[in-house]
Amino acid sequence: MKRPVSTYDTALKLNQNFARAWEGKSFALYSLDRPVEAIIAYETALKINPDNAKTWTGKGLAHLKLGQV
């Protein structure tokens, strides 16, 4: 089930340090073909939780989508 980006924005209004919400927002943006915005959200998630391999992978895929190898 896809969740709209606004759902994650609401969660982040309540807690800006919620890495899972940033990760979810990133994935939602990536799914909407908005890789630049997704990368920004992935970077924010990684500042909070730099050890999350799933987030690093998502960020890498977004860069690949932009042709940034």
N, C-alpha and C. Protein backbone atom coordinates (compact mmCIF):
# COMPACT_ATOMS: atom_id res chain seq x y z
N MET A 1 0.83 -1.17 0.00
CA MET A 1 0.00 0.00 0.00
C MET A 1 0.89 1.25 0.00
N LYS A 2 0.62 2.14 -0.92
CA LYS A 2 1.39 3.38 -0.96
C LYS A 2 0.72 4.42 -0.07
N ARG A 3 1.54 5.14 0.64
CA ARG A 3 1.04 6.21 1.48
C ARG A 3 1.45 7.53 0.85
N PRO A 4 0.57 8.50 0.89
CA PRO A 4 0.94 9.80 0.31
C PRO A 4 2.03 10.50 1.13
N VAL A 5 2.76 11.31 0.44
CA VAL A 5 3.85 12.06 1.08
C VAL A 5 3.31 12.87 2.27
N SER A 6 2.09 13.37 2.16
CA SER A 6 1.52 14.19 3.23
C SER A 6 1.41 13.44 4.55
N THR A 7 1.24 12.12 4.50
CA THR A 7 1.18 11.32 5.72
C THR A 7 2.50 11.42 6.48
N TYR A 8 3.59 11.32 5.73
CA TYR A 8 4.92 11.42 6.36
C TYR A 8 5.18 12.85 6.84
N ASP A 9 4.72 13.83 6.08
CA ASP A 9 4.89 15.22 6.51
C ASP A 9 4.19 15.46 7.85
N THR A 10 3.02 14.86 8.02
CA THR A 10 2.30 15.00 9.28
C THR A 10 3.10 14.38 10.43
N ALA A 11 3.63 13.19 10.21
CA ALA A 11 4.45 12.54 11.24
C ALA A 11 5.67 13.39 11.57
N LEU A 12 6.27 13.99 10.55
CA LEU A 12 7.48 14.79 10.78
C LEU A 12 7.18 16.12 11.47
N LYS A 13 5.95 16.62 11.33
CA LYS A 13 5.57 17.81 12.10
C LYS A 13 5.55 17.49 13.58
N LEU A 14 5.18 16.25 13.90
CA LEU A 14 5.14 15.82 15.30
C LEU A 14 6.52 15.49 15.84
N ASN A 15 7.40 14.99 14.96
CA ASN A 15 8.73 14.59 15.41
C ASN A 15 9.72 14.66 14.23
N GLN A 16 10.47 15.73 14.14
CA GLN A 16 11.44 15.92 13.06
C GLN A 16 12.58 14.90 13.10
N ASN A 17 12.77 14.24 14.22
CA ASN A 17 13.86 13.27 14.37
C ASN A 17 13.40 11.83 14.20
N PHE A 18 12.29 11.63 13.53
CA PHE A 18 11.74 10.29 13.31
C PHE A 18 12.30 9.76 11.99
N ALA A 19 13.41 9.04 12.09
CA ALA A 19 14.13 8.56 10.91
C ALA A 19 13.25 7.70 10.01
N ARG A 20 12.39 6.87 10.60
CA ARG A 20 11.53 6.00 9.79
C ARG A 20 10.56 6.81 8.93
N ALA A 21 10.08 7.93 9.44
CA ALA A 21 9.19 8.79 8.66
C ALA A 21 9.96 9.42 7.50
N TRP A 22 11.20 9.84 7.73
CA TRP A 22 12.02 10.38 6.65
C TRP A 22 12.28 9.31 5.60
N GLU A 23 12.55 8.09 6.04
CA GLU A 23 12.79 7.00 5.11
C GLU A 23 11.53 6.72 4.28
N GLY A 24 10.37 6.69 4.94
CA GLY A 24 9.12 6.46 4.23
C GLY A 24 8.81 7.56 3.23
N LYS A 25 9.06 8.80 3.65
CA LYS A 25 8.84 9.93 2.75
C LYS A 25 9.77 9.82 1.54
N SER A 26 10.99 9.43 1.79
CA SER A 26 11.95 9.26 0.70
C SER A 26 11.46 8.25 -0.32
N PHE A 27 11.00 7.10 0.18
CA PHE A 27 10.53 6.05 -0.70
C PHE A 27 9.30 6.52 -1.48
N ALA A 28 8.41 7.23 -0.81
CA ALA A 28 7.21 7.74 -1.48
C ALA A 28 7.60 8.72 -2.59
N LEU A 29 8.53 9.60 -2.32
CA LEU A 29 8.99 10.56 -3.33
C LEU A 29 9.66 9.84 -4.50
N TYR A 30 10.46 8.85 -4.19
CA TYR A 30 11.11 8.06 -5.24
C TYR A 30 10.06 7.37 -6.10
N SER A 31 9.04 6.82 -5.48
CA SER A 31 7.97 6.13 -6.21
C SER A 31 7.19 7.08 -7.10
N LEU A 32 7.14 8.35 -6.72
CA LEU A 32 6.45 9.36 -7.52
C LEU A 32 7.37 9.98 -8.58
N ASP A 33 8.55 9.37 -8.77
CA ASP A 33 9.54 9.85 -9.74
C ASP A 33 10.02 11.26 -9.40
N ARG A 34 10.30 11.45 -8.11
CA ARG A 34 10.84 12.72 -7.62
C ARG A 34 12.16 12.43 -6.89
N PRO A 35 13.16 11.92 -7.64
CA PRO A 35 14.39 11.45 -7.01
C PRO A 35 15.21 12.53 -6.31
N VAL A 36 15.19 13.76 -6.80
CA VAL A 36 15.97 14.83 -6.14
C VAL A 36 15.43 15.07 -4.74
N GLU A 37 14.11 15.17 -4.62
CA GLU A 37 13.50 15.37 -3.31
C GLU A 37 13.72 14.13 -2.42
N ALA A 38 13.68 12.96 -3.03
CA ALA A 38 13.92 11.73 -2.28
C ALA A 38 15.32 11.72 -1.69
N ILE A 39 16.30 12.13 -2.47
CA ILE A 39 17.69 12.17 -1.97
C ILE A 39 17.81 13.09 -0.77
N ILE A 40 17.17 14.23 -0.84
CA ILE A 40 17.21 15.18 0.28
C ILE A 40 16.62 14.54 1.54
N ALA A 41 15.49 13.85 1.38
CA ALA A 41 14.87 13.18 2.53
C ALA A 41 15.73 12.03 3.03
N TYR A 42 16.33 11.25 2.11
CA TYR A 42 17.23 10.18 2.53
C TYR A 42 18.40 10.75 3.33
N GLU A 43 18.96 11.86 2.88
CA GLU A 43 20.08 12.46 3.60
C GLU A 43 19.68 12.88 5.00
N THR A 44 18.46 13.39 5.15
CA THR A 44 17.99 13.78 6.48
C THR A 44 17.85 12.54 7.36
N ALA A 45 17.29 11.47 6.81
CA ALA A 45 17.16 10.22 7.58
C ALA A 45 18.53 9.70 8.00
N LEU A 46 19.50 9.81 7.12
CA LEU A 46 20.84 9.31 7.43
C LEU A 46 21.56 10.15 8.47
N LYS A 47 21.22 11.43 8.57
CA LYS A 47 21.80 12.25 9.65
C LYS A 47 21.31 11.75 11.01
N ILE A 48 20.07 11.26 11.04
CA ILE A 48 19.48 10.77 12.28
C ILE A 48 19.96 9.35 12.58
N ASN A 49 19.99 8.51 11.53
CA ASN A 49 20.37 7.11 11.71
C ASN A 49 21.31 6.69 10.58
N PRO A 50 22.60 6.98 10.73
CA PRO A 50 23.56 6.70 9.65
C PRO A 50 23.87 5.22 9.44
N ASP A 51 23.39 4.36 10.31
CA ASP A 51 23.69 2.93 10.20
C ASP A 51 22.60 2.13 9.49
N ASN A 52 21.63 2.80 8.87
CA ASN A 52 20.53 2.10 8.23
C ASN A 52 20.88 1.76 6.78
N ALA A 53 21.18 0.51 6.53
CA ALA A 53 21.58 0.07 5.19
C ALA A 53 20.47 0.28 4.16
N LYS A 54 19.23 0.10 4.57
CA LYS A 54 18.10 0.28 3.65
C LYS A 54 18.03 1.73 3.16
N THR A 55 18.30 2.67 4.03
CA THR A 55 18.28 4.08 3.65
C THR A 55 19.43 4.39 2.70
N TRP A 56 20.61 3.86 2.97
CA TRP A 56 21.74 4.06 2.06
C TRP A 56 21.44 3.49 0.67
N THR A 57 20.81 2.31 0.65
CA THR A 57 20.46 1.69 -0.62
C THR A 57 19.46 2.54 -1.40
N GLY A 58 18.45 3.04 -0.71
CA GLY A 58 17.46 3.89 -1.35
C GLY A 58 18.08 5.15 -1.93
N LYS A 59 18.98 5.75 -1.17
CA LYS A 59 19.65 6.95 -1.65
C LYS A 59 20.47 6.63 -2.90
N GLY A 60 21.15 5.50 -2.88
CA GLY A 60 21.92 5.09 -4.06
C GLY A 60 21.05 4.87 -5.28
N LEU A 61 19.89 4.25 -5.09
CA LEU A 61 18.97 4.03 -6.21
C LEU A 61 18.45 5.34 -6.78
N ALA A 62 18.20 6.30 -5.91
CA ALA A 62 17.74 7.62 -6.38
C ALA A 62 18.83 8.29 -7.21
N HIS A 63 20.07 8.18 -6.77
CA HIS A 63 21.17 8.73 -7.55
C HIS A 63 21.29 8.03 -8.90
N LEU A 64 21.12 6.71 -8.92
CA LEU A 64 21.16 5.98 -10.18
C LEU A 64 20.06 6.43 -11.13
N LYS A 65 18.88 6.69 -10.57
CA LYS A 65 17.76 7.14 -11.39
C LYS A 65 18.08 8.47 -12.07
N LEU A 66 18.90 9.27 -11.42
CA LEU A 66 19.29 10.56 -11.99
C LEU A 66 20.51 10.42 -12.92
N GLY A 67 21.03 9.21 -13.03
CA GLY A 67 22.20 8.98 -13.86
C GLY A 67 23.48 9.35 -13.17
N GLN A 68 23.45 9.46 -11.85
CA GLN A 68 24.62 9.82 -11.06
C GLN A 68 25.22 8.55 -10.49
N VAL A 69 26.15 7.98 -11.21
CA VAL A 69 26.74 6.71 -10.78
C VAL A 69 27.91 6.95 -9.88
